[in-house]
Amino acid sequence: MALEAARIWAERAFFCLDRQGAFRVALSGGRTPELLFRLLAEARFQRLPWDKTEVFWVDERRVPYDRPESNYRLARELLLDKVPLARGRIHPMPTGSGEPAEDAAAYEALLRKTFPGRAWPGLDLCLLGLGEDGHTASLFPGGPELAERRRWVAATRSPKGVAGRLTLTLPALWASGLRLFLACGREKSAAVRAVLGPAQPPMLPAQMAWRSEGRKVLLLDKQAAGPAGPARHKAAAGDV
């Protein structure tokens, strides 16, 4: 699964480089992307256009960057410190103001400066996970942020682990060029079935993120896919 995800990353990066001269990607945290980050840091992927890549985040836990729970720390240690990517092209979500709404507004301002004049950010790739409760990014079942249709970034609360979070909103995710979902582990299989099954309200956040229009790919390992085994679900037209 991780190797297929790395292949999609590389294909998308070169496609965007040819089309617009840059590749803008938003990362997520948790256990699932760890192997992908390690793969991308290997020598075989050093030829990727890192000097034209700009890195943002889908979501972040509101902890200092040196804490083990930090999504930024995970990506920095496993990937970003190991590839020729300039520090000025790495944009972690702010977590230190003490005011969640202030941090969310600051990151939205950064995105709006990066994508001027757009209704929603034009990220080329959003890397997304899938929680066993059906959450994705830091959008949780029943959260008021699921109804947000104006802001690009919101402060949220997690029912488990680090409570304070920042996250891109659903419309910001929907606007990305490609949503790449990764799910591994038997505990994710029920959520996978819900995402791919009939749309019955109330929909889970991952269902809402998956079912909108646009290019999207869901990669599963054997345990998350269930009896069918490892799978790739693609709902897109044209180039990845």
C-alpha atoms as a PDB file:
ATOM      1  CA  MET A   1       0.000   0.000   0.000  1.00  0.00           C
ATOM      2  CA  ALA A   2       2.755   2.463   0.928  1.00  0.00           C
ATOM      3  CA  LEU A   3       4.626   1.795  -2.299  1.00  0.00           C
ATOM      4  CA  GLU A   4       1.480   2.446  -4.344  1.00  0.00           C
ATOM      5  CA  ALA A   5       0.919   5.662  -2.377  1.00  0.00           C
ATOM      6  CA  ALA A   6       4.511   6.748  -3.107  1.00  0.00           C
ATOM      7  CA  ARG A   7       3.970   6.009  -6.803  1.00  0.00           C
ATOM      8  CA  ILE A   8       0.827   8.157  -6.815  1.00  0.00           C
ATOM      9  CA  TRP A   9       2.693  10.961  -5.002  1.00  0.00           C
ATOM     10  CA  ALA A  10       5.483  10.855  -7.604  1.00  0.00           C
ATOM     11  CA  GLU A  11       3.091  10.752 -10.543  1.00  0.00           C
ATOM     12  CA  ARG A  12       1.092  13.647  -9.165  1.00  0.00           C
ATOM     13  CA  ALA A  13       4.229  15.687  -8.399  1.00  0.00           C
ATOM     14  CA  PHE A  14       5.593  15.426 -11.948  1.00  0.00           C
ATOM     15  CA  PHE A  15       2.152  16.040 -13.468  1.00  0.00           C
ATOM     16  CA  CYS A  16       1.768  19.279 -11.462  1.00  0.00           C
ATOM     17  CA  LEU A  17       5.353  20.310 -12.171  1.00  0.00           C
ATOM     18  CA  ASP A  18       4.733  20.044 -15.922  1.00  0.00           C
ATOM     19  CA  ARG A  19       1.421  21.861 -15.711  1.00  0.00           C
ATOM     20  CA  GLN A  20       2.189  24.703 -13.289  1.00  0.00           C
ATOM     21  CA  GLY A  21       5.838  24.487 -12.243  1.00  0.00           C
ATOM     22  CA  ALA A  22       5.086  23.564  -8.616  1.00  0.00           C
ATOM     23  CA  PHE A  23       3.622  20.796  -6.461  1.00  0.00           C
ATOM     24  CA  ARG A  24       1.686  21.671  -3.300  1.00  0.00           C
ATOM     25  CA  VAL A  25       0.850  18.836  -0.936  1.00  0.00           C
ATOM     26  CA  ALA A  26      -0.902  18.680   2.449  1.00  0.00           C
ATOM     27  CA  LEU A  27       0.182  15.976   4.910  1.00  0.00           C
ATOM     28  CA  SER A  28      -1.609  14.219   7.729  1.00  0.00           C
ATOM     29  CA  GLY A  29      -0.322  12.411  10.810  1.00  0.00           C
ATOM     30  CA  GLY A  30      -1.051   9.272  12.762  1.00  0.00           C
ATOM     31  CA  ARG A  31       0.430   5.798  12.188  1.00  0.00           C
ATOM     32  CA  THR A  32      -0.774   5.241   8.633  1.00  0.00           C
ATOM     33  CA  PRO A  33       1.569   7.566   6.647  1.00  0.00           C
ATOM     34  CA  GLU A  34       4.737   6.550   8.500  1.00  0.00           C
ATOM     35  CA  LEU A  35       5.861   3.931   5.967  1.00  0.00           C
ATOM     36  CA  LEU A  36       5.000   6.259   3.073  1.00  0.00           C
ATOM     37  CA  PHE A  37       7.216   8.981   4.571  1.00  0.00           C
ATOM     38  CA  ARG A  38      10.064   6.502   5.040  1.00  0.00           C
ATOM     39  CA  LEU A  39       9.765   5.342   1.422  1.00  0.00           C
ATOM     40  CA  LEU A  40       9.738   8.863   0.016  1.00  0.00           C
ATOM     41  CA  ALA A  41      12.921   9.603   1.950  1.00  0.00           C
ATOM     42  CA  GLU A  42      14.779   6.747   0.232  1.00  0.00           C
ATOM     43  CA  ALA A  43      17.358   7.377  -2.486  1.00  0.00           C
ATOM     44  CA  ARG A  44      15.069   6.150  -5.262  1.00  0.00           C
ATOM     45  CA  PHE A  45      12.731   9.089  -4.628  1.00  0.00           C
ATOM     46  CA  GLN A  46      15.429  11.783  -4.411  1.00  0.00           C
ATOM     47  CA  ARG A  47      14.744  12.607  -8.062  1.00  0.00           C
ATOM     48  CA  LEU A  48      11.313  13.947  -7.176  1.00  0.00           C
ATOM     49  CA  PRO A  49      10.969  17.722  -7.679  1.00  0.00           C
ATOM     50  CA  TRP A  50      11.579  18.551  -4.018  1.00  0.00           C
ATOM     51  CA  ASP A  51      12.879  22.007  -4.902  1.00  0.00           C
ATOM     52  CA  LYS A  52       9.494  22.775  -6.470  1.00  0.00           C
ATOM     53  CA  THR A  53       7.445  21.104  -3.724  1.00  0.00           C
ATOM     54  CA  GLU A  54       5.614  23.090  -1.066  1.00  0.00           C
ATOM     55  CA  VAL A  55       4.338  21.281   2.033  1.00  0.00           C
ATOM     56  CA  PHE A  56       1.258  22.125   4.097  1.00  0.00           C
ATOM     57  CA  TRP A  57      -0.762  20.130   6.624  1.00  0.00           C
ATOM     58  CA  VAL A  58      -4.272  18.705   6.522  1.00  0.00           C
ATOM     59  CA  ASP A  59      -4.506  18.801  10.309  1.00  0.00           C
ATOM     60  CA  GLU A  60      -2.437  19.137  13.449  1.00  0.00           C
ATOM     61  CA  ARG A  61      -2.608  18.469  17.161  1.00  0.00           C
ATOM     62  CA  ARG A  62      -2.233  21.606  19.240  1.00  0.00           C
ATOM     63  CA  VAL A  63       1.016  20.589  20.936  1.00  0.00           C
ATOM     64  CA  PRO A  64       4.578  21.960  20.654  1.00  0.00           C
ATOM     65  CA  TYR A  65       6.423  20.796  17.561  1.00  0.00           C
ATOM     66  CA  ASP A  66       8.874  18.742  19.619  1.00  0.00           C
ATOM     67  CA  ARG A  67       6.167  16.550  21.157  1.00  0.00           C
ATOM     68  CA  PRO A  68       5.720  12.965  19.869  1.00  0.00           C
ATOM     69  CA  GLU A  69       2.061  13.722  19.081  1.00  0.00           C
ATOM     70  CA  SER A  70       2.960  16.465  16.586  1.00  0.00           C
ATOM     71  CA  ASN A  71       2.096  15.678  12.972  1.00  0.00           C
ATOM     72  CA  TYR A  72       4.780  18.137  11.919  1.00  0.00           C
ATOM     73  CA  ARG A  73       7.413  16.334  13.986  1.00  0.00           C
ATOM     74  CA  LEU A  74       6.476  12.977  12.416  1.00  0.00           C
ATOM     75  CA  ALA A  75       6.839  14.298   8.870  1.00  0.00           C
ATOM     76  CA  ARG A  76      10.007  16.243   9.665  1.00  0.00           C
ATOM     77  CA  GLU A  77      11.833  13.315  11.263  1.00  0.00           C
ATOM     78  CA  LEU A  78      10.801  10.657   8.746  1.00  0.00           C
ATOM     79  CA  LEU A  79      10.770  12.699   5.521  1.00  0.00           C
ATOM     80  CA  LEU A  80      11.338  16.427   5.434  1.00  0.00           C
ATOM     81  CA  ASP A  81      14.785  16.410   7.069  1.00  0.00           C
ATOM     82  CA  LYS A  82      15.921  13.746   4.596  1.00  0.00           C
ATOM     83  CA  VAL A  83      15.020  15.357   1.262  1.00  0.00           C
ATOM     84  CA  PRO A  84      16.346  18.533  -0.467  1.00  0.00           C
ATOM     85  CA  LEU A  85      13.361  20.670   0.501  1.00  0.00           C
ATOM     86  CA  ALA A  86      13.986  24.282   1.540  1.00  0.00           C
ATOM     87  CA  ARG A  87      12.685  25.251   4.978  1.00  0.00           C
ATOM     88  CA  GLY A  88      10.813  28.169   3.466  1.00  0.00           C
ATOM     89  CA  ARG A  89       8.651  25.733   1.532  1.00  0.00           C
ATOM     90  CA  ILE A  90       7.465  23.901   4.671  1.00  0.00           C
ATOM     91  CA  HIS A  91       4.380  25.378   6.348  1.00  0.00           C
ATOM     92  CA  PRO A  92       3.344  23.659   9.604  1.00  0.00           C
ATOM     93  CA  MET A  93       0.102  24.657  11.269  1.00  0.00           C
ATOM     94  CA  PRO A  94       0.687  27.080  14.172  1.00  0.00           C
ATOM     95  CA  THR A  95      -0.007  25.650  17.615  1.00  0.00           C
ATOM     96  CA  GLY A  96       1.472  28.076  20.101  1.00  0.00           C
ATOM     97  CA  SER A  97      -0.783  31.123  20.381  1.00  0.00           C
ATOM     98  CA  GLY A  98      -2.967  29.723  23.146  1.00  0.00           C
ATOM     99  CA  GLU A  99      -6.049  30.613  21.105  1.00  0.00           C
ATOM    100  CA  PRO A 100      -7.248  27.837  18.749  1.00  0.00           C
ATOM    101  CA  ALA A 101      -9.364  30.162  16.620  1.00  0.00           C
ATOM    102  CA  GLU A 102      -6.403  32.536  16.262  1.00  0.00           C
ATOM    103  CA  ASP A 103      -4.144  29.723  15.061  1.00  0.00           C
ATOM    104  CA  ALA A 104      -6.784  28.545  12.586  1.00  0.00           C
ATOM    105  CA  ALA A 105      -7.201  32.083  11.226  1.00  0.00           C
ATOM    106  CA  ALA A 106      -3.416  32.482  10.868  1.00  0.00           C
ATOM    107  CA  TYR A 107      -3.109  29.283   8.824  1.00  0.00           C
ATOM    108  CA  GLU A 108      -6.074  30.225   6.667  1.00  0.00           C
ATOM    109  CA  ALA A 109      -4.420  33.590   6.001  1.00  0.00           C
ATOM    110  CA  LEU A 110      -1.273  31.769   4.873  1.00  0.00           C
ATOM    111  CA  LEU A 111      -3.261  29.565   2.524  1.00  0.00           C
ATOM    112  CA  ARG A 112      -5.180  32.527   1.107  1.00  0.00           C
ATOM    113  CA  LYS A 113      -1.883  34.294   0.437  1.00  0.00           C
ATOM    114  CA  THR A 114      -0.598  31.151  -1.307  1.00  0.00           C
ATOM    115  CA  PHE A 115      -3.763  30.783  -3.393  1.00  0.00           C
ATOM    116  CA  PRO A 116      -4.884  34.384  -3.987  1.00  0.00           C
ATOM    117  CA  GLY A 117      -8.253  35.082  -5.521  1.00  0.00           C
ATOM    118  CA  ARG A 118      -9.542  31.537  -5.093  1.00  0.00           C
ATOM    119  CA  ALA A 119     -12.743  30.472  -3.381  1.00  0.00           C
ATOM    120  CA  TRP A 120     -10.890  27.493  -1.879  1.00  0.00           C
ATOM    121  CA  PRO A 121      -7.228  26.427  -1.668  1.00  0.00           C
ATOM    122  CA  GLY A 122      -5.841  24.706  -4.755  1.00  0.00           C
ATOM    123  CA  LEU A 123      -3.763  22.005  -3.074  1.00  0.00           C
ATOM    124  CA  ASP A 124      -2.535  19.424  -5.579  1.00  0.00           C
ATOM    125  CA  LEU A 125      -2.633  16.473  -3.178  1.00  0.00           C
ATOM    126  CA  CYS A 126      -4.211  15.980   0.238  1.00  0.00           C
ATOM    127  CA  LEU A 127      -3.022  12.938   2.158  1.00  0.00           C
ATOM    128  CA  LEU A 128      -5.823  11.641   4.368  1.00  0.00           C
ATOM    129  CA  GLY A 129      -6.240   8.872   6.913  1.00  0.00           C
ATOM    130  CA  LEU A 130      -9.337   7.075   8.119  1.00  0.00           C
ATOM    131  CA  GLY A 131     -10.128   6.589  11.804  1.00  0.00           C
ATOM    132  CA  GLU A 132     -12.018   3.593  13.101  1.00  0.00           C
ATOM    133  CA  ASP A 133     -14.770   6.014  14.164  1.00  0.00           C
ATOM    134  CA  GLY A 134     -15.004   7.318  10.586  1.00  0.00           C
ATOM    135  CA  HIS A 135     -13.118  10.556  11.120  1.00  0.00           C
ATOM    136  CA  THR A 136     -10.673  11.963   8.607  1.00  0.00           C
ATOM    137  CA  ALA A 137      -8.277  14.885   8.994  1.00  0.00           C
ATOM    138  CA  SER A 138      -9.389  16.219  12.399  1.00  0.00           C
ATOM    139  CA  LEU A 139     -13.053  16.209  11.432  1.00  0.00           C
ATOM    140  CA  PHE A 140     -14.938  14.024  13.905  1.00  0.00           C
ATOM    141  CA  PRO A 141     -18.443  12.537  13.844  1.00  0.00           C
ATOM    142  CA  GLY A 142     -21.031  15.041  15.023  1.00  0.00           C
ATOM    143  CA  GLY A 143     -18.614  17.973  15.085  1.00  0.00           C
ATOM    144  CA  PRO A 144     -20.018  21.409  14.181  1.00  0.00           C
ATOM    145  CA  GLU A 145     -17.129  21.921  11.733  1.00  0.00           C
ATOM    146  CA  LEU A 146     -18.751  19.415   9.353  1.00  0.00           C
ATOM    147  CA  ALA A 147     -21.278  22.123   8.467  1.00  0.00           C
ATOM    148  CA  GLU A 148     -18.615  24.770   7.813  1.00  0.00           C
ATOM    149  CA  ARG A 149     -18.861  26.158   4.271  1.00  0.00           C
ATOM    150  CA  ARG A 150     -16.973  29.445   4.593  1.00  0.00           C
ATOM    151  CA  ARG A 151     -13.701  28.933   6.461  1.00  0.00           C
ATOM    152  CA  TRP A 152     -10.724  27.039   5.050  1.00  0.00           C
ATOM    153  CA  VAL A 153      -9.290  26.054   8.451  1.00  0.00           C
ATOM    154  CA  ALA A 154     -11.098  25.329  11.711  1.00  0.00           C
ATOM    155  CA  ALA A 155     -10.214  24.558  15.324  1.00  0.00           C
ATOM    156  CA  THR A 156     -11.743  21.255  16.443  1.00  0.00           C
ATOM    157  CA  ARG A 157     -11.854  18.935  19.454  1.00  0.00           C
ATOM    158  CA  SER A 158     -10.970  15.243  19.393  1.00  0.00           C
ATOM    159  CA  PRO A 159     -12.831  12.798  21.648  1.00  0.00           C
ATOM    160  CA  LYS A 160      -9.585  10.820  22.095  1.00  0.00           C
ATOM    161  CA  GLY A 161      -5.914  11.633  22.542  1.00  0.00           C
ATOM    162  CA  VAL A 162      -4.876  15.264  22.220  1.00  0.00           C
ATOM    163  CA  ALA A 163      -8.163  17.155  22.333  1.00  0.00           C
ATOM    164  CA  GLY A 164      -7.204  20.423  20.659  1.00  0.00           C
ATOM    165  CA  ARG A 165      -6.785  20.200  16.867  1.00  0.00           C
ATOM    166  CA  LEU A 166      -6.601  22.325  13.740  1.00  0.00           C
ATOM    167  CA  THR A 167      -7.954  20.997  10.460  1.00  0.00           C
ATOM    168  CA  LEU A 168      -8.771  21.892   6.901  1.00  0.00           C
ATOM    169  CA  THR A 169     -12.533  22.049   6.438  1.00  0.00           C
ATOM    170  CA  LEU A 170     -14.470  19.778   4.112  1.00  0.00           C
ATOM    171  CA  PRO A 171     -14.745  22.323   1.263  1.00  0.00           C
ATOM    172  CA  ALA A 172     -10.979  22.904   1.447  1.00  0.00           C
ATOM    173  CA  LEU A 173     -10.419  19.142   1.109  1.00  0.00           C
ATOM    174  CA  TRP A 174     -12.975  18.827  -1.702  1.00  0.00           C
ATOM    175  CA  ALA A 175     -11.175  21.535  -3.692  1.00  0.00           C
ATOM    176  CA  SER A 176      -7.856  19.663  -3.762  1.00  0.00           C
ATOM    177  CA  GLY A 177      -6.641  18.151  -7.018  1.00  0.00           C
ATOM    178  CA  LEU A 178      -6.445  14.657  -5.518  1.00  0.00           C
ATOM    179  CA  ARG A 179      -7.554  13.212  -2.188  1.00  0.00           C
ATOM    180  CA  LEU A 180      -5.439  10.187  -1.323  1.00  0.00           C
ATOM    181  CA  PHE A 181      -6.934   8.167   1.543  1.00  0.00           C
ATOM    182  CA  LEU A 182      -4.850   5.512   3.323  1.00  0.00           C
ATOM    183  CA  ALA A 183      -6.320   2.937   5.708  1.00  0.00           C
ATOM    184  CA  CYS A 184      -4.574   0.016   7.360  1.00  0.00           C
ATOM    185  CA  GLY A 185      -5.500  -2.377  10.145  1.00  0.00           C
ATOM    186  CA  ARG A 186      -8.463  -4.631  10.891  1.00  0.00           C
ATOM    187  CA  GLU A 187      -9.936  -2.003  13.204  1.00  0.00           C
ATOM    188  CA  LYS A 188     -10.526   0.245  10.154  1.00  0.00           C
ATOM    189  CA  SER A 189     -12.537  -2.332   8.142  1.00  0.00           C
ATOM    190  CA  ALA A 190     -15.958  -1.268   9.464  1.00  0.00           C
ATOM    191  CA  ALA A 191     -15.227   2.385   8.682  1.00  0.00           C
ATOM    192  CA  VAL A 192     -14.056   1.394   5.191  1.00  0.00           C
ATOM    193  CA  ARG A 193     -17.340  -0.433   4.561  1.00  0.00           C
ATOM    194  CA  ALA A 194     -19.256   2.626   5.721  1.00  0.00           C
ATOM    195  CA  VAL A 195     -17.294   4.965   3.453  1.00  0.00           C
ATOM    196  CA  LEU A 196     -17.789   2.767   0.384  1.00  0.00           C
ATOM    197  CA  GLY A 197     -21.321   1.637   1.218  1.00  0.00           C
ATOM    198  CA  PRO A 198     -24.703   3.322   0.729  1.00  0.00           C
ATOM    199  CA  ALA A 199     -24.945   6.933   1.839  1.00  0.00           C
ATOM    200  CA  GLN A 200     -27.217   6.880   4.872  1.00  0.00           C
ATOM    201  CA  PRO A 201     -27.451   9.981   7.051  1.00  0.00           C
ATOM    202  CA  PRO A 202     -25.858  10.997   9.236  1.00  0.00           C
ATOM    203  CA  MET A 203     -22.762  10.434   7.145  1.00  0.00           C
ATOM    204  CA  LEU A 204     -19.368  10.017   8.752  1.00  0.00           C
ATOM    205  CA  PRO A 205     -16.747  12.715   8.076  1.00  0.00           C
ATOM    206  CA  ALA A 206     -14.729  10.296   5.920  1.00  0.00           C
ATOM    207  CA  GLN A 207     -17.852   9.532   3.876  1.00  0.00           C
ATOM    208  CA  MET A 208     -18.423  13.238   3.328  1.00  0.00           C
ATOM    209  CA  ALA A 209     -14.791  13.754   2.303  1.00  0.00           C
ATOM    210  CA  TRP A 210     -14.854  10.757  -0.064  1.00  0.00           C
ATOM    211  CA  ARG A 211     -18.242  11.193  -1.739  1.00  0.00           C
ATOM    212  CA  SER A 212     -17.803  14.680  -3.128  1.00  0.00           C
ATOM    213  CA  GLU A 213     -16.838  15.267  -6.758  1.00  0.00           C
ATOM    214  CA  GLY A 214     -13.223  15.279  -7.865  1.00  0.00           C
ATOM    215  CA  ARG A 215     -10.283  12.897  -8.055  1.00  0.00           C
ATOM    216  CA  LYS A 216      -9.863  10.556  -5.116  1.00  0.00           C
ATOM    217  CA  VAL A 217      -8.129   7.266  -4.350  1.00  0.00           C
ATOM    218  CA  LEU A 218      -8.510   4.981  -1.320  1.00  0.00           C
ATOM    219  CA  LEU A 219      -5.683   2.525  -0.657  1.00  0.00           C
ATOM    220  CA  LEU A 220      -6.252  -0.332   1.804  1.00  0.00           C
ATOM    221  CA  ASP A 221      -4.114  -3.076   3.250  1.00  0.00           C
ATOM    222  CA  LYS A 222      -5.425  -6.639   3.586  1.00  0.00           C
ATOM    223  CA  GLN A 223      -6.779  -6.144   7.100  1.00  0.00           C
ATOM    224  CA  ALA A 224      -8.621  -2.892   6.370  1.00  0.00           C
ATOM    225  CA  ALA A 225     -10.050  -4.260   3.122  1.00  0.00           C
ATOM    226  CA  GLY A 226     -11.535  -7.295   4.873  1.00  0.00           C
ATOM    227  CA  PRO A 227     -12.194 -10.590   3.069  1.00  0.00           C
ATOM    228  CA  ALA A 228     -11.529  -9.071  -0.356  1.00  0.00           C
ATOM    229  CA  GLY A 229      -7.881  -8.447   0.540  1.00  0.00           C
ATOM    230  CA  PRO A 230      -5.747  -5.391  -0.370  1.00  0.00           C
ATOM    231  CA  ALA A 231      -7.600  -2.950  -2.570  1.00  0.00           C
ATOM    232  CA  ARG A 232      -7.423   0.339  -4.392  1.00  0.00           C
ATOM    233  CA  HIS A 233     -10.632   2.281  -4.924  1.00  0.00           C
ATOM    234  CA  LYS A 234     -10.440   5.067  -7.457  1.00  0.00           C
ATOM    235  CA  ALA A 235     -13.181   7.525  -8.295  1.00  0.00           C
ATOM    236  CA  ALA A 236     -11.705   9.967 -10.743  1.00  0.00           C
ATOM    237  CA  ALA A 237     -11.470  10.941 -14.354  1.00  0.00           C
ATOM    238  CA  GLY A 238      -8.308  11.817 -16.223  1.00  0.00           C
ATOM    239  CA  ASP A 239      -4.833  11.972 -14.745  1.00  0.00           C
ATOM    240  CA  VAL A 240      -4.168  11.120 -11.122  1.00  0.00           C
END
